[in-house]
PDB file of N, CA and C in Angstrom:
ATOM      1  N   UNK A   1     -31.714  20.171   3.797  1.00  0.00           N
ATOM      2  CA  UNK A   1     -31.264  20.698   5.060  1.00  0.00           C
ATOM      3  C   UNK A   1     -30.806  19.535   5.937  1.00  0.00           C
ATOM      4  N   UNK A   2     -29.666  19.699   6.524  1.00  0.00           N
ATOM      5  CA  UNK A   2     -29.143  18.654   7.395  1.00  0.00           C
ATOM      6  C   UNK A   2     -29.727  18.763   8.787  1.00  0.00           C
ATOM      7  N   UNK A   3     -30.015  17.640   9.358  1.00  0.00           N
ATOM      8  CA  UNK A   3     -30.459  17.624  10.742  1.00  0.00           C
ATOM      9  C   UNK A   3     -29.442  16.857  11.563  1.00  0.00           C
ATOM     10  N   UNK A   4     -29.278  17.224  12.754  1.00  0.00           N
ATOM     11  CA  UNK A   4     -28.337  16.571  13.662  1.00  0.00           C
ATOM     12  C   UNK A   4     -29.104  15.704  14.641  1.00  0.00           C
ATOM     13  N   UNK A   5     -28.480  14.608  15.028  1.00  0.00           N
ATOM     14  CA  UNK A   5     -29.100  13.703  15.976  1.00  0.00           C
ATOM     15  C   UNK A   5     -28.073  13.360  17.037  1.00  0.00           C
ATOM     16  N   UNK A   6     -28.457  13.425  18.277  1.00  0.00           N
ATOM     17  CA  UNK A   6     -27.583  13.052  19.374  1.00  0.00           C
ATOM     18  C   UNK A   6     -28.190  11.845  20.077  1.00  0.00           C
ATOM     19  N   UNK A   7     -27.356  10.849  20.321  1.00  0.00           N
ATOM     20  CA  UNK A   7     -27.831   9.642  20.990  1.00  0.00           C
ATOM     21  C   UNK A   7     -28.096   9.940  22.459  1.00  0.00           C
ATOM     22  N   UNK A   8     -29.084   9.274  22.982  1.00  0.00           N
ATOM     23  CA  UNK A   8     -29.409   9.453  24.388  1.00  0.00           C
ATOM     24  C   UNK A   8     -28.302   8.893  25.279  1.00  0.00           C
ATOM     25  N   UNK A   9     -27.722   7.775  24.862  1.00  0.00           N
ATOM     26  CA  UNK A   9     -26.602   7.183  25.584  1.00  0.00           C
ATOM     27  C   UNK A   9     -25.534   6.770  24.579  1.00  0.00           C
ATOM     28  N   UNK A  10     -24.297   6.666  25.008  1.00  0.00           N
ATOM     29  CA  UNK A  10     -23.254   6.208  24.086  1.00  0.00           C
ATOM     30  C   UNK A  10     -23.485   4.781  23.581  1.00  0.00           C
ATOM     31  N   UNK A  11     -24.173   3.975  24.341  1.00  0.00           N
ATOM     32  CA  UNK A  11     -24.427   2.590  23.927  1.00  0.00           C
ATOM     33  C   UNK A  11     -25.360   2.501  22.723  1.00  0.00           C
ATOM     34  N   UNK A  12     -26.142   3.546  22.468  1.00  0.00           N
ATOM     35  CA  UNK A  12     -27.054   3.536  21.337  1.00  0.00           C
ATOM     36  C   UNK A  12     -26.304   3.605  20.006  1.00  0.00           C
ATOM     37  N   UNK A  13     -25.049   4.030  20.024  1.00  0.00           N
ATOM     38  CA  UNK A  13     -24.266   4.207  18.803  1.00  0.00           C
ATOM     39  C   UNK A  13     -23.510   2.933  18.423  1.00  0.00           C
ATOM     40  N   UNK A  14     -23.319   2.013  19.336  1.00  0.00           N
ATOM     41  CA  UNK A  14     -22.504   0.824  19.079  1.00  0.00           C
ATOM     42  C   UNK A  14     -22.952  -0.018  17.887  1.00  0.00           C
ATOM     43  N   UNK A  15     -24.236  -0.266  17.672  1.00  0.00           N
ATOM     44  CA  UNK A  15     -24.614  -1.047  16.491  1.00  0.00           C
ATOM     45  C   UNK A  15     -24.201  -0.387  15.177  1.00  0.00           C
ATOM     46  N   UNK A  16     -24.268   0.922  15.118  1.00  0.00           N
ATOM     47  CA  UNK A  16     -23.863   1.624  13.905  1.00  0.00           C
ATOM     48  C   UNK A  16     -22.361   1.532  13.689  1.00  0.00           C
ATOM     49  N   UNK A  17     -21.593   1.604  14.745  1.00  0.00           N
ATOM     50  CA  UNK A  17     -20.142   1.492  14.636  1.00  0.00           C
ATOM     51  C   UNK A  17     -19.721   0.099  14.173  1.00  0.00           C
ATOM     52  N   UNK A  18     -20.391  -0.917  14.666  1.00  0.00           N
ATOM     53  CA  UNK A  18     -20.070  -2.286  14.235  1.00  0.00           C
ATOM     54  C   UNK A  18     -20.406  -2.476  12.762  1.00  0.00           C
ATOM     55  N   UNK A  19     -21.511  -1.921  12.325  1.00  0.00           N
ATOM     56  CA  UNK A  19     -21.877  -2.017  10.920  1.00  0.00           C
ATOM     57  C   UNK A  19     -20.929  -1.259  10.016  1.00  0.00           C
ATOM     58  N   UNK A  20     -20.394  -0.141  10.499  1.00  0.00           N
ATOM     59  CA  UNK A  20     -19.455   0.638   9.695  1.00  0.00           C
ATOM     60  C   UNK A  20     -18.167  -0.148   9.467  1.00  0.00           C
ATOM     61  N   UNK A  21     -17.737  -0.911  10.446  1.00  0.00           N
ATOM     62  CA  UNK A  21     -16.497  -1.660  10.311  1.00  0.00           C
ATOM     63  C   UNK A  21     -16.546  -2.680   9.195  1.00  0.00           C
ATOM     64  N   UNK A  22     -17.568  -3.500   9.156  1.00  0.00           N
ATOM     65  CA  UNK A  22     -17.612  -4.532   8.115  1.00  0.00           C
ATOM     66  C   UNK A  22     -18.032  -3.969   6.771  1.00  0.00           C
ATOM     67  N   UNK A  23     -18.851  -2.909   6.755  1.00  0.00           N
ATOM     68  CA  UNK A  23     -19.259  -2.357   5.464  1.00  0.00           C
ATOM     69  C   UNK A  23     -18.113  -1.617   4.780  1.00  0.00           C
ATOM     70  N   UNK A  24     -17.248  -0.965   5.554  1.00  0.00           N
ATOM     71  CA  UNK A  24     -16.081  -0.311   4.964  1.00  0.00           C
ATOM     72  C   UNK A  24     -15.119  -1.347   4.399  1.00  0.00           C
ATOM     73  N   UNK A  25     -14.914  -2.432   5.125  1.00  0.00           N
ATOM     74  CA  UNK A  25     -14.024  -3.494   4.638  1.00  0.00           C
ATOM     75  C   UNK A  25     -14.585  -4.124   3.364  1.00  0.00           C
ATOM     76  N   UNK A  26     -15.883  -4.306   3.298  1.00  0.00           N
ATOM     77  CA  UNK A  26     -16.511  -4.869   2.105  1.00  0.00           C
ATOM     78  C   UNK A  26     -16.373  -3.918   0.908  1.00  0.00           C
ATOM     79  N   UNK A  27     -16.575  -2.634   1.134  1.00  0.00           N
ATOM     80  CA  UNK A  27     -16.444  -1.661   0.048  1.00  0.00           C
ATOM     81  C   UNK A  27     -15.014  -1.592  -0.463  1.00  0.00           C
ATOM     82  N   UNK A  28     -14.051  -1.631   0.437  1.00  0.00           N
ATOM     83  CA  UNK A  28     -12.648  -1.563   0.022  1.00  0.00           C
ATOM     84  C   UNK A  28     -12.256  -2.829  -0.742  1.00  0.00           C
ATOM     85  N   UNK A  29     -12.761  -3.973  -0.328  1.00  0.00           N
ATOM     86  CA  UNK A  29     -12.486  -5.218  -1.051  1.00  0.00           C
ATOM     87  C   UNK A  29     -13.084  -5.182  -2.449  1.00  0.00           C
ATOM     88  N   UNK A  30     -14.280  -4.640  -2.578  1.00  0.00           N
ATOM     89  CA  UNK A  30     -14.905  -4.520  -3.901  1.00  0.00           C
ATOM     90  C   UNK A  30     -14.130  -3.558  -4.784  1.00  0.00           C
ATOM     91  N   UNK A  31     -13.604  -2.481  -4.215  1.00  0.00           N
ATOM     92  CA  UNK A  31     -12.776  -1.564  -5.000  1.00  0.00           C
ATOM     93  C   UNK A  31     -11.538  -2.272  -5.514  1.00  0.00           C
ATOM     94  N   UNK A  32     -10.909  -3.067  -4.675  1.00  0.00           N
ATOM     95  CA  UNK A  32      -9.706  -3.786  -5.088  1.00  0.00           C
ATOM     96  C   UNK A  32     -10.001  -4.783  -6.196  1.00  0.00           C
ATOM     97  N   UNK A  33     -11.111  -5.502  -6.079  1.00  0.00           N
ATOM     98  CA  UNK A  33     -11.479  -6.463  -7.117  1.00  0.00           C
ATOM     99  C   UNK A  33     -11.831  -5.766  -8.429  1.00  0.00           C
ATOM    100  N   UNK A  34     -12.527  -4.645  -8.338  1.00  0.00           N
ATOM    101  CA  UNK A  34     -12.882  -3.915  -9.557  1.00  0.00           C
ATOM    102  C   UNK A  34     -11.643  -3.351 -10.234  1.00  0.00           C
ATOM    103  N   UNK A  35     -10.697  -2.854  -9.469  1.00  0.00           N
ATOM    104  CA  UNK A  35      -9.482  -2.301 -10.077  1.00  0.00           C
ATOM    105  C   UNK A  35      -8.656  -3.409 -10.722  1.00  0.00           C
ATOM    106  N   UNK A  36      -8.662  -4.576 -10.139  1.00  0.00           N
ATOM    107  CA  UNK A  36      -7.917  -5.692 -10.718  1.00  0.00           C
ATOM    108  C   UNK A  36      -8.535  -6.134 -12.046  1.00  0.00           C
ATOM    109  N   UNK A  37      -9.868  -6.021 -12.127  1.00  0.00           N
ATOM    110  CA  UNK A  37     -10.562  -6.475 -13.327  1.00  0.00           C
ATOM    111  C   UNK A  37     -10.528  -5.437 -14.456  1.00  0.00           C
ATOM    112  N   UNK A  38     -10.667  -4.142 -14.112  1.00  0.00           N
ATOM    113  CA  UNK A  38     -10.847  -3.125 -15.144  1.00  0.00           C
ATOM    114  C   UNK A  38      -9.604  -2.299 -15.451  1.00  0.00           C
ATOM    115  N   UNK A  39      -8.646  -2.211 -14.545  1.00  0.00           N
ATOM    116  CA  UNK A  39      -7.477  -1.357 -14.770  1.00  0.00           C
ATOM    117  C   UNK A  39      -6.439  -2.086 -15.625  1.00  0.00           C
ATOM    118  N   UNK A  40      -5.643  -1.296 -16.307  1.00  0.00           N
ATOM    119  CA  UNK A  40      -4.552  -1.865 -17.097  1.00  0.00           C
ATOM    120  C   UNK A  40      -3.483  -2.413 -16.152  1.00  0.00           C
ATOM    121  N   UNK A  41      -2.646  -3.282 -16.673  1.00  0.00           N
ATOM    122  CA  UNK A  41      -1.599  -3.892 -15.847  1.00  0.00           C
ATOM    123  C   UNK A  41      -0.693  -2.807 -15.271  1.00  0.00           C
ATOM    124  N   UNK A  42      -0.493  -2.853 -13.972  1.00  0.00           N
ATOM    125  CA  UNK A  42       0.369  -1.902 -13.299  1.00  0.00           C
ATOM    126  C   UNK A  42      -0.349  -0.663 -12.777  1.00  0.00           C
ATOM    127  N   UNK A  43      -1.623  -0.488 -13.089  1.00  0.00           N
ATOM    128  CA  UNK A  43      -2.358   0.695 -12.637  1.00  0.00           C
ATOM    129  C   UNK A  43      -3.425   0.381 -11.589  1.00  0.00           C
ATOM    130  N   UNK A  44      -3.408  -0.822 -11.045  1.00  0.00           N
ATOM    131  CA  UNK A  44      -4.434  -1.202 -10.075  1.00  0.00           C
ATOM    132  C   UNK A  44      -4.376  -0.337  -8.818  1.00  0.00           C
ATOM    133  N   UNK A  45      -3.176  -0.065  -8.324  1.00  0.00           N
ATOM    134  CA  UNK A  45      -3.051   0.739  -7.104  1.00  0.00           C
ATOM    135  C   UNK A  45      -3.541   2.163  -7.331  1.00  0.00           C
ATOM    136  N   UNK A  46      -3.316   2.698  -8.525  1.00  0.00           N
ATOM    137  CA  UNK A  46      -3.799   4.039  -8.843  1.00  0.00           C
ATOM    138  C   UNK A  46      -5.321   4.083  -8.847  1.00  0.00           C
ATOM    139  N   UNK A  47      -5.933   3.077  -9.433  1.00  0.00           N
ATOM    140  CA  UNK A  47      -7.396   3.029  -9.483  1.00  0.00           C
ATOM    141  C   UNK A  47      -7.967   2.890  -8.073  1.00  0.00           C
ATOM    142  N   UNK A  48      -7.355   2.075  -7.242  1.00  0.00           N
ATOM    143  CA  UNK A  48      -7.822   1.935  -5.860  1.00  0.00           C
ATOM    144  C   UNK A  48      -7.696   3.271  -5.126  1.00  0.00           C
ATOM    145  N   UNK A  49      -6.616   3.991  -5.349  1.00  0.00           N
ATOM    146  CA  UNK A  49      -6.443   5.299  -4.709  1.00  0.00           C
ATOM    147  C   UNK A  49      -7.488   6.302  -5.142  1.00  0.00           C
ATOM    148  N   UNK A  50      -7.795   6.330  -6.439  1.00  0.00           N
ATOM    149  CA  UNK A  50      -8.814   7.256  -6.942  1.00  0.00           C
ATOM    150  C   UNK A  50     -10.193   6.879  -6.404  1.00  0.00           C
ATOM    151  N   UNK A  51     -10.522   5.594  -6.413  1.00  0.00           N
ATOM    152  CA  UNK A  51     -11.817   5.163  -5.890  1.00  0.00           C
ATOM    153  C   UNK A  51     -11.935   5.404  -4.388  1.00  0.00           C
ATOM    154  N   UNK A  52     -10.838   5.232  -3.653  1.00  0.00           N
ATOM    155  CA  UNK A  52     -10.858   5.501  -2.223  1.00  0.00           C
ATOM    156  C   UNK A  52     -11.088   6.987  -1.962  1.00  0.00           C
ATOM    157  N   UNK A  53     -10.449   7.843  -2.738  1.00  0.00           N
ATOM    158  CA  UNK A  53     -10.670   9.283  -2.582  1.00  0.00           C
ATOM    159  C   UNK A  53     -12.122   9.643  -2.877  1.00  0.00           C
ATOM    160  N   UNK A  54     -12.679   9.040  -3.917  1.00  0.00           N
ATOM    161  CA  UNK A  54     -14.077   9.309  -4.247  1.00  0.00           C
ATOM    162  C   UNK A  54     -15.010   8.795  -3.156  1.00  0.00           C
ATOM    163  N   UNK A  55     -14.681   7.647  -2.565  1.00  0.00           N
ATOM    164  CA  UNK A  55     -15.526   7.097  -1.515  1.00  0.00           C
ATOM    165  C   UNK A  55     -15.452   7.954  -0.243  1.00  0.00           C
ATOM    166  N   UNK A  56     -14.280   8.440   0.101  1.00  0.00           N
ATOM    167  CA  UNK A  56     -14.122   9.223   1.323  1.00  0.00           C
ATOM    168  C   UNK A  56     -14.772  10.599   1.213  1.00  0.00           C
ATOM    169  N   UNK A  57     -14.714  11.219   0.045  1.00  0.00           N
ATOM    170  CA  UNK A  57     -15.241  12.573  -0.115  1.00  0.00           C
ATOM    171  C   UNK A  57     -16.530  12.596  -0.918  1.00  0.00           C
ATOM    172  N   UNK A  58     -17.091  11.447  -1.220  1.00  0.00           N
ATOM    173  CA  UNK A  58     -18.245  11.387  -2.103  1.00  0.00           C
ATOM    174  C   UNK A  58     -19.486  12.059  -1.581  1.00  0.00           C
ATOM    175  N   UNK A  59     -19.746  12.011  -0.317  1.00  0.00           N
ATOM    176  CA  UNK A  59     -20.976  12.581   0.211  1.00  0.00           C
ATOM    177  C   UNK A  59     -20.844  13.999   0.707  1.00  0.00           C
ATOM    178  N   UNK A  60     -19.680  14.569   0.630  1.00  0.00           N
ATOM    179  CA  UNK A  60     -19.473  15.909   1.161  1.00  0.00           C
ATOM    180  C   UNK A  60     -19.731  16.965   0.094  1.00  0.00           C
ATOM    181  N   UNK A  61     -20.326  18.050   0.518  1.00  0.00           N
ATOM    182  CA  UNK A  61     -20.530  19.185  -0.355  1.00  0.00           C
ATOM    183  C   UNK A  61     -19.844  20.394   0.253  1.00  0.00           C
ATOM    184  N   UNK A  62     -19.284  21.202  -0.591  1.00  0.00           N
ATOM    185  CA  UNK A  62     -18.627  22.412  -0.093  1.00  0.00           C
ATOM    186  C   UNK A  62     -19.673  23.467   0.206  1.00  0.00           C
ATOM    187  N   UNK A  63     -19.460  24.153   1.311  1.00  0.00           N
ATOM    188  CA  UNK A  63     -20.356  25.240   1.668  1.00  0.00           C
ATOM    189  C   UNK A  63     -19.849  26.535   1.067  1.00  0.00           C
ATOM    190  N   UNK A  64     -20.766  27.350   0.652  1.00  0.00           N
ATOM    191  CA  UNK A  64     -20.370  28.628   0.055  1.00  0.00           C
ATOM    192  C   UNK A  64     -20.570  29.751   1.009  1.00  0.00           C
TER     193      UNK A  64
END
């Protein structure tokens, strides 16, 4: 079951936003390096696109 949380002030959210910025950049860089290492020549951009789609929608579940 999902629970919702509301910050008492907008300033309480700033540390999480700063962490999201560098962690997303790190994840995208790792995807690029992995695609360069494991994908066939010429398919690196395709692998990055597939991994990016999986990363963006990975935690979502469809409601019935």
